Amino acid sequence: MRYRLVCFDVDGTLIDNIEYSWELFHNYFETDKKRRIWARDKYYKGEFSYLDWANHDIGMWIEKGATKGEFIKAMKTIKLMKGALETLKELKKHNLKLAIISGSLNIILEHFIPNYEDFFDDVFLSWLYFDKNNKLVRAESTEFDMIKKAEALRKIAKREGFKLEECVHIGDHHNDVEIAKIAGLSIAFDAKDDELRKVADVIIDKKDLREVLLYIIPQGNLTHSLKLNKE
């Protein structure tokens, strides 16, 4: 097999009806938009690190007294991407290593793929922690988002002894651009960003994650029920 590692983004890739999980929760908790914009601008001006930005925003949820139940209610408008579980199962069947490299939050992954540890060998996400009353009390924000997604891929590849050419990345937005540039195969899935479309090796607009299998696994080796036709 040509590829040995497949990395996934979460929002808009494994999960449908969402662009940014952080924005979803901010809107649900009705946090102060001016403060959100202030922190975002500080990051893009280089005055905040990514962790500064993430921790600032999580602090706003803590201020609101956010609970686990409320986070779950906020997720009622989103769903698992069509074909996601079949895709993960097929990739594992062919003994590929799988990773999540995303700025998303663990509560989304745990809600939609509760057995995610059966599929993913590495998970780079931000983690929320709740007290005994299910109130959000702290978080561990990932630094491996935006341009640092590429660093996470290099880290996994080095540890496993993989060449970058043997690695696949699947994502949909501007924070996937830098990792797409270094992956051996970069797939822009239902992409919302023009720059990602320009740098990706493959563009898939059909919202069925099984479509990525056509480019990762030789079609003759696909499970019969998953065989797809290139349009």
C-alpha atoms as a PDB file:
ATOM      1  CA  MET A   1       0.000   0.000   0.000  1.00  0.00           C
ATOM      2  CA  ARG A   2       1.297   3.447  -0.957  1.00  0.00           C
ATOM      3  CA  TYR A   3      -0.012   5.271   2.152  1.00  0.00           C
ATOM      4  CA  ARG A   4       0.507   4.420   5.815  1.00  0.00           C
ATOM      5  CA  LEU A   5      -1.072   7.278   7.764  1.00  0.00           C
ATOM      6  CA  VAL A   6      -4.344   9.173   7.247  1.00  0.00           C
ATOM      7  CA  CYS A   7      -4.983  12.393   9.197  1.00  0.00           C
ATOM      8  CA  PHE A   8      -8.437  13.918   9.604  1.00  0.00           C
ATOM      9  CA  ASP A   9      -9.743  17.337  10.444  1.00  0.00           C
ATOM     10  CA  VAL A  10     -12.959  17.270  12.518  1.00  0.00           C
ATOM     11  CA  ASP A  11     -15.241  20.281  11.900  1.00  0.00           C
ATOM     12  CA  GLY A  12     -16.633  20.035   8.374  1.00  0.00           C
ATOM     13  CA  THR A  13     -14.771  16.792   7.682  1.00  0.00           C
ATOM     14  CA  LEU A  14     -15.715  14.076  10.166  1.00  0.00           C
ATOM     15  CA  ILE A  15     -18.616  16.224  11.385  1.00  0.00           C
ATOM     16  CA  ASP A  16     -21.214  17.792   9.083  1.00  0.00           C
ATOM     17  CA  ASN A  17     -23.243  21.021   9.340  1.00  0.00           C
ATOM     18  CA  ILE A  18     -20.417  22.887  11.024  1.00  0.00           C
ATOM     19  CA  GLU A  19     -17.520  25.127  10.051  1.00  0.00           C
ATOM     20  CA  TYR A  20     -16.093  26.021  13.447  1.00  0.00           C
ATOM     21  CA  SER A  21     -17.037  24.215  16.650  1.00  0.00           C
ATOM     22  CA  TRP A  22     -15.824  27.149  18.725  1.00  0.00           C
ATOM     23  CA  GLU A  23     -18.205  29.478  16.932  1.00  0.00           C
ATOM     24  CA  LEU A  24     -21.061  27.005  17.431  1.00  0.00           C
ATOM     25  CA  PHE A  25     -20.534  27.059  21.191  1.00  0.00           C
ATOM     26  CA  HIS A  26     -19.921  30.792  21.361  1.00  0.00           C
ATOM     27  CA  ASN A  27     -23.234  31.390  19.636  1.00  0.00           C
ATOM     28  CA  TYR A  28     -25.028  28.935  21.897  1.00  0.00           C
ATOM     29  CA  PHE A  29     -23.642  30.501  25.081  1.00  0.00           C
ATOM     30  CA  GLU A  30     -24.121  34.017  23.658  1.00  0.00           C
ATOM     31  CA  THR A  31     -20.627  35.164  24.578  1.00  0.00           C
ATOM     32  CA  ASP A  32     -19.538  38.743  23.951  1.00  0.00           C
ATOM     33  CA  LYS A  33     -18.812  39.033  20.222  1.00  0.00           C
ATOM     34  CA  LYS A  34     -16.572  42.074  20.659  1.00  0.00           C
ATOM     35  CA  ARG A  35     -14.352  40.189  23.076  1.00  0.00           C
ATOM     36  CA  ARG A  36     -14.222  37.237  20.695  1.00  0.00           C
ATOM     37  CA  ILE A  37     -13.167  39.464  17.790  1.00  0.00           C
ATOM     38  CA  TRP A  38     -10.618  41.240  19.990  1.00  0.00           C
ATOM     39  CA  ALA A  39      -8.913  37.947  20.876  1.00  0.00           C
ATOM     40  CA  ARG A  40      -9.036  36.658  17.300  1.00  0.00           C
ATOM     41  CA  ASP A  41      -7.449  39.864  15.991  1.00  0.00           C
ATOM     42  CA  LYS A  42      -4.719  39.677  18.659  1.00  0.00           C
ATOM     43  CA  TYR A  43      -3.838  36.206  17.351  1.00  0.00           C
ATOM     44  CA  TYR A  44      -3.710  37.238  13.705  1.00  0.00           C
ATOM     45  CA  LYS A  45      -1.587  40.285  14.589  1.00  0.00           C
ATOM     46  CA  GLY A  46       0.896  38.004  16.334  1.00  0.00           C
ATOM     47  CA  GLU A  47       0.133  39.504  19.754  1.00  0.00           C
ATOM     48  CA  PHE A  48      -1.502  36.303  21.064  1.00  0.00           C
ATOM     49  CA  SER A  49      -0.259  32.751  20.700  1.00  0.00           C
ATOM     50  CA  TYR A  50      -2.822  30.205  19.561  1.00  0.00           C
ATOM     51  CA  LEU A  51      -2.999  28.938  23.157  1.00  0.00           C
ATOM     52  CA  ASP A  52      -3.647  32.479  24.417  1.00  0.00           C
ATOM     53  CA  TRP A  53      -6.532  32.803  21.979  1.00  0.00           C
ATOM     54  CA  ALA A  54      -8.006  29.392  22.830  1.00  0.00           C
ATOM     55  CA  ASN A  55      -7.718  29.876  26.573  1.00  0.00           C
ATOM     56  CA  HIS A  56      -9.298  33.331  26.327  1.00  0.00           C
ATOM     57  CA  ASP A  57     -12.330  31.917  24.530  1.00  0.00           C
ATOM     58  CA  ILE A  58     -12.699  28.924  26.855  1.00  0.00           C
ATOM     59  CA  GLY A  59     -12.589  31.356  29.766  1.00  0.00           C
ATOM     60  CA  MET A  60     -15.673  33.027  28.315  1.00  0.00           C
ATOM     61  CA  TRP A  61     -17.566  29.715  28.463  1.00  0.00           C
ATOM     62  CA  ILE A  62     -16.467  29.182  32.062  1.00  0.00           C
ATOM     63  CA  GLU A  63     -17.728  32.689  32.901  1.00  0.00           C
ATOM     64  CA  LYS A  64     -21.112  31.644  31.521  1.00  0.00           C
ATOM     65  CA  GLY A  65     -21.215  28.630  33.838  1.00  0.00           C
ATOM     66  CA  ALA A  66     -21.290  26.270  30.842  1.00  0.00           C
ATOM     67  CA  THR A  67     -22.217  22.668  31.605  1.00  0.00           C
ATOM     68  CA  LYS A  68     -21.638  19.432  29.727  1.00  0.00           C
ATOM     69  CA  GLY A  69     -25.355  19.101  29.094  1.00  0.00           C
ATOM     70  CA  GLU A  70     -25.448  22.511  27.450  1.00  0.00           C
ATOM     71  CA  PHE A  71     -22.550  21.617  25.157  1.00  0.00           C
ATOM     72  CA  ILE A  72     -24.472  18.513  24.090  1.00  0.00           C
ATOM     73  CA  LYS A  73     -27.625  20.572  23.470  1.00  0.00           C
ATOM     74  CA  ALA A  74     -25.575  22.943  21.299  1.00  0.00           C
ATOM     75  CA  MET A  75     -24.588  19.995  19.111  1.00  0.00           C
ATOM     76  CA  LYS A  76     -28.160  19.186  18.090  1.00  0.00           C
ATOM     77  CA  THR A  77     -27.688  21.049  14.812  1.00  0.00           C
ATOM     78  CA  ILE A  78     -24.646  19.011  13.725  1.00  0.00           C
ATOM     79  CA  LYS A  79     -24.160  15.367  12.759  1.00  0.00           C
ATOM     80  CA  LEU A  80     -21.600  12.784  11.760  1.00  0.00           C
ATOM     81  CA  MET A  81     -20.531  13.162   8.144  1.00  0.00           C
ATOM     82  CA  LYS A  82     -22.147  10.664   5.780  1.00  0.00           C
ATOM     83  CA  GLY A  83     -19.894   7.642   5.321  1.00  0.00           C
ATOM     84  CA  ALA A  84     -17.563   8.587   8.188  1.00  0.00           C
ATOM     85  CA  LEU A  85     -17.733   5.345  10.163  1.00  0.00           C
ATOM     86  CA  GLU A  86     -17.566   3.155   7.059  1.00  0.00           C
ATOM     87  CA  THR A  87     -14.475   5.093   5.958  1.00  0.00           C
ATOM     88  CA  LEU A  88     -12.708   4.713   9.301  1.00  0.00           C
ATOM     89  CA  LYS A  89     -13.509   0.995   9.436  1.00  0.00           C
ATOM     90  CA  GLU A  90     -12.234   0.448   5.911  1.00  0.00           C
ATOM     91  CA  LEU A  91      -8.980   2.288   6.559  1.00  0.00           C
ATOM     92  CA  LYS A  92      -8.347   0.290   9.734  1.00  0.00           C
ATOM     93  CA  LYS A  93      -9.145  -2.914   7.871  1.00  0.00           C
ATOM     94  CA  HIS A  94      -6.200  -2.086   5.618  1.00  0.00           C
ATOM     95  CA  ASN A  95      -3.967  -1.485   8.639  1.00  0.00           C
ATOM     96  CA  LEU A  96      -3.460   2.223   8.117  1.00  0.00           C
ATOM     97  CA  LYS A  97      -2.607   4.428  11.065  1.00  0.00           C
ATOM     98  CA  LEU A  98      -5.231   7.109  11.677  1.00  0.00           C
ATOM     99  CA  ALA A  99      -4.891  10.473  13.380  1.00  0.00           C
ATOM    100  CA  ILE A 100      -7.003  13.491  14.209  1.00  0.00           C
ATOM    101  CA  ILE A 101      -5.233  16.824  13.866  1.00  0.00           C
ATOM    102  CA  SER A 102      -7.785  19.500  14.574  1.00  0.00           C
ATOM    103  CA  GLY A 103      -8.573  22.643  16.498  1.00  0.00           C
ATOM    104  CA  SER A 104     -11.921  21.125  17.441  1.00  0.00           C
ATOM    105  CA  LEU A 105     -12.979  19.909  20.886  1.00  0.00           C
ATOM    106  CA  ASN A 106     -12.992  16.444  22.402  1.00  0.00           C
ATOM    107  CA  ILE A 107     -16.632  16.712  23.456  1.00  0.00           C
ATOM    108  CA  ILE A 108     -17.684  16.612  19.784  1.00  0.00           C
ATOM    109  CA  LEU A 109     -15.551  13.579  18.986  1.00  0.00           C
ATOM    110  CA  GLU A 110     -16.722  11.717  22.099  1.00  0.00           C
ATOM    111  CA  HIS A 111     -20.372  12.507  21.363  1.00  0.00           C
ATOM    112  CA  PHE A 112     -20.405  11.364  17.735  1.00  0.00           C
ATOM    113  CA  ILE A 113     -17.713   8.658  17.798  1.00  0.00           C
ATOM    114  CA  PRO A 114     -17.705   7.392  21.417  1.00  0.00           C
ATOM    115  CA  ASN A 115     -15.391   4.500  20.469  1.00  0.00           C
ATOM    116  CA  TYR A 116     -12.944   6.819  18.670  1.00  0.00           C
ATOM    117  CA  GLU A 117      -9.993   5.120  20.397  1.00  0.00           C
ATOM    118  CA  ASP A 118     -10.765   1.997  18.351  1.00  0.00           C
ATOM    119  CA  PHE A 119      -9.957   3.980  15.205  1.00  0.00           C
ATOM    120  CA  PHE A 120      -7.457   6.719  15.986  1.00  0.00           C
ATOM    121  CA  ASP A 121      -3.852   6.124  16.976  1.00  0.00           C
ATOM    122  CA  ASP A 122      -3.227   9.828  17.646  1.00  0.00           C
ATOM    123  CA  VAL A 123      -5.648  12.564  18.647  1.00  0.00           C
ATOM    124  CA  PHE A 124      -4.618  16.230  18.606  1.00  0.00           C
ATOM    125  CA  LEU A 125      -7.602  18.233  19.908  1.00  0.00           C
ATOM    126  CA  SER A 126      -8.530  20.681  22.635  1.00  0.00           C
ATOM    127  CA  TRP A 127      -9.900  18.952  25.752  1.00  0.00           C
ATOM    128  CA  LEU A 128     -12.606  20.241  28.056  1.00  0.00           C
ATOM    129  CA  TYR A 129     -12.834  19.125  31.694  1.00  0.00           C
ATOM    130  CA  PHE A 130     -15.942  19.195  33.864  1.00  0.00           C
ATOM    131  CA  ASP A 131     -16.397  18.932  37.639  1.00  0.00           C
ATOM    132  CA  LYS A 132     -18.694  16.492  39.491  1.00  0.00           C
ATOM    133  CA  ASN A 133     -21.644  18.771  38.689  1.00  0.00           C
ATOM    134  CA  ASN A 134     -20.735  18.657  34.976  1.00  0.00           C
ATOM    135  CA  LYS A 135     -19.682  22.315  35.023  1.00  0.00           C
ATOM    136  CA  LEU A 136     -16.805  23.338  32.761  1.00  0.00           C
ATOM    137  CA  VAL A 137     -13.811  24.101  34.978  1.00  0.00           C
ATOM    138  CA  ARG A 138     -10.757  23.993  32.747  1.00  0.00           C
ATOM    139  CA  ALA A 139      -9.392  22.989  29.374  1.00  0.00           C
ATOM    140  CA  GLU A 140      -6.197  21.849  27.723  1.00  0.00           C
ATOM    141  CA  SER A 141      -6.024  23.639  24.414  1.00  0.00           C
ATOM    142  CA  THR A 142      -4.112  22.071  21.552  1.00  0.00           C
ATOM    143  CA  GLU A 143      -1.364  24.116  19.995  1.00  0.00           C
ATOM    144  CA  PHE A 144      -1.541  21.973  16.868  1.00  0.00           C
ATOM    145  CA  ASP A 145      -4.040  24.019  14.896  1.00  0.00           C
ATOM    146  CA  MET A 146      -3.577  26.564  12.112  1.00  0.00           C
ATOM    147  CA  ILE A 147       0.019  26.467  10.827  1.00  0.00           C
ATOM    148  CA  LYS A 148       1.025  24.000  13.557  1.00  0.00           C
ATOM    149  CA  LYS A 149      -1.110  21.213  12.114  1.00  0.00           C
ATOM    150  CA  ALA A 150       1.856  20.506   9.844  1.00  0.00           C
ATOM    151  CA  GLU A 151       4.090  20.184  12.913  1.00  0.00           C
ATOM    152  CA  ALA A 152       1.776  17.522  14.357  1.00  0.00           C
ATOM    153  CA  LEU A 153       1.978  15.523  11.139  1.00  0.00           C
ATOM    154  CA  ARG A 154       5.781  15.725  11.156  1.00  0.00           C
ATOM    155  CA  LYS A 155       5.780  14.595  14.783  1.00  0.00           C
ATOM    156  CA  ILE A 156       3.709  11.468  14.074  1.00  0.00           C
ATOM    157  CA  ALA A 157       5.633  10.618  10.899  1.00  0.00           C
ATOM    158  CA  LYS A 158       8.991  10.907  12.666  1.00  0.00           C
ATOM    159  CA  ARG A 159       7.876   8.707  15.564  1.00  0.00           C
ATOM    160  CA  GLU A 160       6.439   6.025  13.244  1.00  0.00           C
ATOM    161  CA  GLY A 161       9.277   6.179  10.731  1.00  0.00           C
ATOM    162  CA  PHE A 162       6.947   7.234   7.897  1.00  0.00           C
ATOM    163  CA  LYS A 163       7.922   9.475   5.019  1.00  0.00           C
ATOM    164  CA  LEU A 164       5.669  12.496   4.528  1.00  0.00           C
ATOM    165  CA  GLU A 165       4.884  11.115   1.060  1.00  0.00           C
ATOM    166  CA  GLU A 166       3.227   8.163   2.800  1.00  0.00           C
ATOM    167  CA  CYS A 167       0.869  10.440   4.743  1.00  0.00           C
ATOM    168  CA  VAL A 168      -2.619  11.639   3.774  1.00  0.00           C
ATOM    169  CA  HIS A 169      -4.436  14.663   5.135  1.00  0.00           C
ATOM    170  CA  ILE A 170      -8.176  15.315   4.765  1.00  0.00           C
ATOM    171  CA  GLY A 171      -9.556  18.740   5.677  1.00  0.00           C
ATOM    172  CA  ASP A 172     -11.847  21.538   4.579  1.00  0.00           C
ATOM    173  CA  HIS A 173     -10.649  24.984   5.688  1.00  0.00           C
ATOM    174  CA  HIS A 174      -7.837  27.536   5.744  1.00  0.00           C
ATOM    175  CA  ASN A 175      -6.258  26.010   8.851  1.00  0.00           C
ATOM    176  CA  ASP A 176      -5.596  22.898   6.721  1.00  0.00           C
ATOM    177  CA  VAL A 177      -3.517  24.715   4.106  1.00  0.00           C
ATOM    178  CA  GLU A 178      -0.049  24.275   5.657  1.00  0.00           C
ATOM    179  CA  ILE A 179      -0.502  20.602   6.483  1.00  0.00           C
ATOM    180  CA  ALA A 180      -1.908  20.025   2.987  1.00  0.00           C
ATOM    181  CA  LYS A 181       1.321  21.400   1.525  1.00  0.00           C
ATOM    182  CA  ILE A 182       3.495  18.746   3.191  1.00  0.00           C
ATOM    183  CA  ALA A 183       1.255  15.651   3.063  1.00  0.00           C
ATOM    184  CA  GLY A 184       1.951  13.106   0.336  1.00  0.00           C
ATOM    185  CA  LEU A 185      -1.746  13.243  -0.537  1.00  0.00           C
ATOM    186  CA  SER A 186      -3.894  16.184   0.489  1.00  0.00           C
ATOM    187  CA  ILE A 187      -7.648  15.940   0.045  1.00  0.00           C
ATOM    188  CA  ALA A 188      -9.841  19.046   0.245  1.00  0.00           C
ATOM    189  CA  PHE A 189     -13.184  17.618   1.355  1.00  0.00           C
ATOM    190  CA  ASP A 190     -16.229  19.872   0.918  1.00  0.00           C
ATOM    191  CA  ALA A 191     -13.692  22.717   1.085  1.00  0.00           C
ATOM    192  CA  LYS A 192     -14.787  26.176   2.196  1.00  0.00           C
ATOM    193  CA  ASP A 193     -11.432  27.832   1.461  1.00  0.00           C
ATOM    194  CA  ASP A 194     -10.058  28.796  -1.958  1.00  0.00           C
ATOM    195  CA  GLU A 195      -6.425  28.550  -0.891  1.00  0.00           C
ATOM    196  CA  LEU A 196      -6.924  24.982   0.299  1.00  0.00           C
ATOM    197  CA  ARG A 197      -8.509  24.134  -3.027  1.00  0.00           C
ATOM    198  CA  LYS A 198      -5.427  25.517  -4.788  1.00  0.00           C
ATOM    199  CA  VAL A 199      -2.872  23.504  -2.809  1.00  0.00           C
ATOM    200  CA  ALA A 200      -4.818  20.221  -2.452  1.00  0.00           C
ATOM    201  CA  ASP A 201      -4.030  17.234  -4.653  1.00  0.00           C
ATOM    202  CA  VAL A 202      -7.665  16.133  -4.729  1.00  0.00           C
ATOM    203  CA  ILE A 203     -10.900  18.101  -4.340  1.00  0.00           C
ATOM    204  CA  ILE A 204     -14.062  16.255  -3.292  1.00  0.00           C
ATOM    205  CA  ASP A 205     -17.290  18.242  -3.233  1.00  0.00           C
ATOM    206  CA  LYS A 206     -19.637  15.322  -2.672  1.00  0.00           C
ATOM    207  CA  LYS A 207     -20.468  15.145   1.034  1.00  0.00           C
ATOM    208  CA  ASP A 208     -19.786  11.447   1.502  1.00  0.00           C
ATOM    209  CA  LEU A 209     -16.521  10.683   3.252  1.00  0.00           C
ATOM    210  CA  ARG A 210     -16.269   7.289   1.554  1.00  0.00           C
ATOM    211  CA  GLU A 211     -15.217   9.179  -1.575  1.00  0.00           C
ATOM    212  CA  VAL A 212     -11.723   9.636  -0.093  1.00  0.00           C
ATOM    213  CA  LEU A 213     -11.188   5.868  -0.197  1.00  0.00           C
ATOM    214  CA  LEU A 214     -10.906   5.972  -3.980  1.00  0.00           C
ATOM    215  CA  TYR A 215      -7.656   7.908  -3.640  1.00  0.00           C
ATOM    216  CA  ILE A 216      -6.157   6.084  -0.658  1.00  0.00           C
ATOM    217  CA  ILE A 217      -6.924   2.405  -1.262  1.00  0.00           C
ATOM    218  CA  PRO A 218      -6.710   0.695  -4.673  1.00  0.00           C
ATOM    219  CA  GLN A 219     -10.345   0.187  -5.702  1.00  0.00           C
ATOM    220  CA  GLY A 220      -9.828  -3.506  -6.313  1.00  0.00           C
ATOM    221  CA  ASN A 221      -9.017  -3.872  -2.610  1.00  0.00           C
ATOM    222  CA  LEU A 222     -12.092  -2.055  -1.314  1.00  0.00           C
ATOM    223  CA  THR A 223     -14.822  -3.947   0.504  1.00  0.00           C
ATOM    224  CA  HIS A 224     -17.461  -4.808  -2.113  1.00  0.00           C
ATOM    225  CA  SER A 225     -20.192  -2.730  -0.451  1.00  0.00           C
ATOM    226  CA  LEU A 226     -17.981   0.345  -0.502  1.00  0.00           C
ATOM    227  CA  LYS A 227     -16.930   0.253  -4.124  1.00  0.00           C
ATOM    228  CA  LEU A 228     -17.619   3.654  -5.611  1.00  0.00           C
ATOM    229  CA  ASN A 229     -17.631   5.123  -9.055  1.00  0.00           C
ATOM    230  CA  LYS A 230     -15.618   8.202  -9.966  1.00  0.00           C
ATOM    231  CA  GLU A 231     -17.971  10.649 -11.623  1.00  0.00           C
END
